[in-house]
Amino acid sequence: MLRFSPEDIDAIDQLWRSLPPGHMWTGWAAVGQPPETVWIYRSRAHWRRFPLTRTKAGYALGDDQGRPFREAATLEDLLAAVEAVPRLRVADQD
């Protein structure tokens, strides 16, 4: 599995910090040096967390069981993939 470089981590952080307050992407976390996985967190009604891994072509976003279900070539594509995951049907969980 490919690992995230320090530049990748900085770019993910910069993208996340550029989002407006109240955006569904509520945070992210990475463990290890260098990390193999970055966790993307969304508000509860928008789902819990997604594992993000690095691929030769860019990024792969996994579902809540770790199965890859969205791919993104760039961080902008990654943001679109994060935003494209449907909300949970339960109301008032944010």
C-alpha atoms as a PDB file:
ATOM      1  CA  MET A   1       0.000   0.000   0.000  1.00  0.00           C
ATOM      2  CA  LEU A   2       1.266   3.459  -0.860  1.00  0.00           C
ATOM      3  CA  ARG A   3       1.871   5.938   1.935  1.00  0.00           C
ATOM      4  CA  PHE A   4       1.002   9.616   2.153  1.00  0.00           C
ATOM      5  CA  SER A   5       3.931  11.998   1.861  1.00  0.00           C
ATOM      6  CA  PRO A   6       4.266  15.031   4.147  1.00  0.00           C
ATOM      7  CA  GLU A   7       3.251  17.133   1.119  1.00  0.00           C
ATOM      8  CA  ASP A   8       0.088  15.026   0.687  1.00  0.00           C
ATOM      9  CA  ILE A   9      -0.813  15.561   4.344  1.00  0.00           C
ATOM     10  CA  ASP A  10      -0.191  19.307   4.088  1.00  0.00           C
ATOM     11  CA  ALA A  11      -2.367  19.513   0.952  1.00  0.00           C
ATOM     12  CA  ILE A  12      -5.215  17.568   2.625  1.00  0.00           C
ATOM     13  CA  ASP A  13      -5.028  19.857   5.649  1.00  0.00           C
ATOM     14  CA  GLN A  14      -4.971  22.972   3.474  1.00  0.00           C
ATOM     15  CA  LEU A  15      -8.017  21.757   1.513  1.00  0.00           C
ATOM     16  CA  TRP A  16      -9.923  20.956   4.710  1.00  0.00           C
ATOM     17  CA  ARG A  17      -9.077  24.347   6.277  1.00  0.00           C
ATOM     18  CA  SER A  18     -10.297  26.133   3.141  1.00  0.00           C
ATOM     19  CA  LEU A  19     -13.842  24.788   3.578  1.00  0.00           C
ATOM     20  CA  PRO A  20     -16.559  27.070   4.930  1.00  0.00           C
ATOM     21  CA  PRO A  21     -17.796  26.669   8.521  1.00  0.00           C
ATOM     22  CA  GLY A  22     -20.573  24.091   8.736  1.00  0.00           C
ATOM     23  CA  HIS A  23     -19.301  22.039   5.790  1.00  0.00           C
ATOM     24  CA  MET A  24     -20.124  18.325   6.032  1.00  0.00           C
ATOM     25  CA  TRP A  25     -16.392  17.408   6.108  1.00  0.00           C
ATOM     26  CA  THR A  26     -15.826  17.996   9.822  1.00  0.00           C
ATOM     27  CA  GLY A  27     -12.240  16.807  10.183  1.00  0.00           C
ATOM     28  CA  TRP A  28      -9.524  14.350   9.340  1.00  0.00           C
ATOM     29  CA  ALA A  29      -6.836  12.309  11.100  1.00  0.00           C
ATOM     30  CA  ALA A  30      -3.720  10.373  10.149  1.00  0.00           C
ATOM     31  CA  VAL A  31      -1.647   7.946  12.206  1.00  0.00           C
ATOM     32  CA  GLY A  32       1.921   6.866  11.551  1.00  0.00           C
ATOM     33  CA  GLN A  33       4.962   8.297   9.859  1.00  0.00           C
ATOM     34  CA  PRO A  34       4.270   8.286   6.993  1.00  0.00           C
ATOM     35  CA  PRO A  35       0.616   7.210   7.237  1.00  0.00           C
ATOM     36  CA  GLU A  36      -1.002   4.572   4.999  1.00  0.00           C
ATOM     37  CA  THR A  37      -4.526   5.788   5.806  1.00  0.00           C
ATOM     38  CA  VAL A  38      -6.099   9.178   6.422  1.00  0.00           C
ATOM     39  CA  TRP A  39      -9.524   9.191   8.061  1.00  0.00           C
ATOM     40  CA  ILE A  40     -12.030  11.676   6.657  1.00  0.00           C
ATOM     41  CA  TYR A  41     -14.813  12.607   9.097  1.00  0.00           C
ATOM     42  CA  ARG A  42     -18.204  13.959   8.126  1.00  0.00           C
ATOM     43  CA  SER A  43     -21.090  15.117  10.281  1.00  0.00           C
ATOM     44  CA  ARG A  44     -23.238  12.260  11.564  1.00  0.00           C
ATOM     45  CA  ALA A  45     -26.173  12.753   9.184  1.00  0.00           C
ATOM     46  CA  HIS A  46     -23.645  12.682   6.355  1.00  0.00           C
ATOM     47  CA  TRP A  47     -22.068   9.430   7.605  1.00  0.00           C
ATOM     48  CA  ARG A  48     -19.284   8.828  10.047  1.00  0.00           C
ATOM     49  CA  ARG A  49     -15.762   8.389   8.735  1.00  0.00           C
ATOM     50  CA  PHE A  50     -14.116   7.211   5.577  1.00  0.00           C
ATOM     51  CA  PRO A  51     -10.660   5.679   5.146  1.00  0.00           C
ATOM     52  CA  LEU A  52      -8.645   7.458   2.480  1.00  0.00           C
ATOM     53  CA  THR A  53      -5.709   5.649   0.877  1.00  0.00           C
ATOM     54  CA  ARG A  54      -3.144   6.709  -1.707  1.00  0.00           C
ATOM     55  CA  THR A  55      -3.140   4.995  -5.108  1.00  0.00           C
ATOM     56  CA  LYS A  56      -0.901   5.273  -8.140  1.00  0.00           C
ATOM     57  CA  ALA A  57      -3.653   7.288  -9.828  1.00  0.00           C
ATOM     58  CA  GLY A  58      -4.514   9.483  -6.828  1.00  0.00           C
ATOM     59  CA  TYR A  59      -6.779   8.578  -3.910  1.00  0.00           C
ATOM     60  CA  ALA A  60      -9.328   5.907  -2.959  1.00  0.00           C
ATOM     61  CA  LEU A  61     -12.105   6.647  -0.487  1.00  0.00           C
ATOM     62  CA  GLY A  62     -13.517   3.675   1.412  1.00  0.00           C
ATOM     63  CA  ASP A  63     -16.917   3.042   2.934  1.00  0.00           C
ATOM     64  CA  ASP A  64     -17.479   2.518   6.658  1.00  0.00           C
ATOM     65  CA  GLN A  65     -16.238  -1.074   6.289  1.00  0.00           C
ATOM     66  CA  GLY A  66     -13.051  -0.053   4.499  1.00  0.00           C
ATOM     67  CA  ARG A  67     -14.069  -1.175   1.007  1.00  0.00           C
ATOM     68  CA  PRO A  68     -12.967   1.323  -1.670  1.00  0.00           C
ATOM     69  CA  PHE A  69     -15.998   2.860  -3.361  1.00  0.00           C
ATOM     70  CA  ARG A  70     -14.840   6.216  -4.781  1.00  0.00           C
ATOM     71  CA  GLU A  71     -11.612   7.137  -6.549  1.00  0.00           C
ATOM     72  CA  ALA A  72     -10.204  10.615  -7.047  1.00  0.00           C
ATOM     73  CA  ALA A  73      -7.276  11.739  -9.162  1.00  0.00           C
ATOM     74  CA  THR A  74      -6.852  15.071  -7.354  1.00  0.00           C
ATOM     75  CA  LEU A  75      -7.745  16.568  -4.001  1.00  0.00           C
ATOM     76  CA  GLU A  76     -10.485  18.604  -5.662  1.00  0.00           C
ATOM     77  CA  ASP A  77     -11.923  15.334  -7.001  1.00  0.00           C
ATOM     78  CA  LEU A  78     -11.584  13.925  -3.486  1.00  0.00           C
ATOM     79  CA  LEU A  79     -13.647  16.786  -2.081  1.00  0.00           C
ATOM     80  CA  ALA A  80     -16.329  16.129  -4.712  1.00  0.00           C
ATOM     81  CA  ALA A  81     -16.290  12.416  -3.755  1.00  0.00           C
ATOM     82  CA  VAL A  82     -16.688  13.259  -0.067  1.00  0.00           C
ATOM     83  CA  GLU A  83     -19.583  15.580  -0.863  1.00  0.00           C
ATOM     84  CA  ALA A  84     -21.239  13.027  -3.194  1.00  0.00           C
ATOM     85  CA  VAL A  85     -21.829  10.396  -0.512  1.00  0.00           C
ATOM     86  CA  PRO A  86     -25.530  10.563   0.348  1.00  0.00           C
ATOM     87  CA  ARG A  87     -26.793  11.609   3.759  1.00  0.00           C
ATOM     88  CA  LEU A  88     -28.219   9.082   6.150  1.00  0.00           C
ATOM     89  CA  ARG A  89     -32.006   8.996   6.140  1.00  0.00           C
ATOM     90  CA  VAL A  90     -32.275   9.803   9.862  1.00  0.00           C
ATOM     91  CA  ALA A  91     -33.125  13.462  10.410  1.00  0.00           C
ATOM     92  CA  ASP A  92     -31.508  15.828  12.919  1.00  0.00           C
ATOM     93  CA  GLN A  93     -28.294  13.897  13.502  1.00  0.00           C
ATOM     94  CA  ASP A  94     -25.795  16.660  12.757  1.00  0.00           C
END
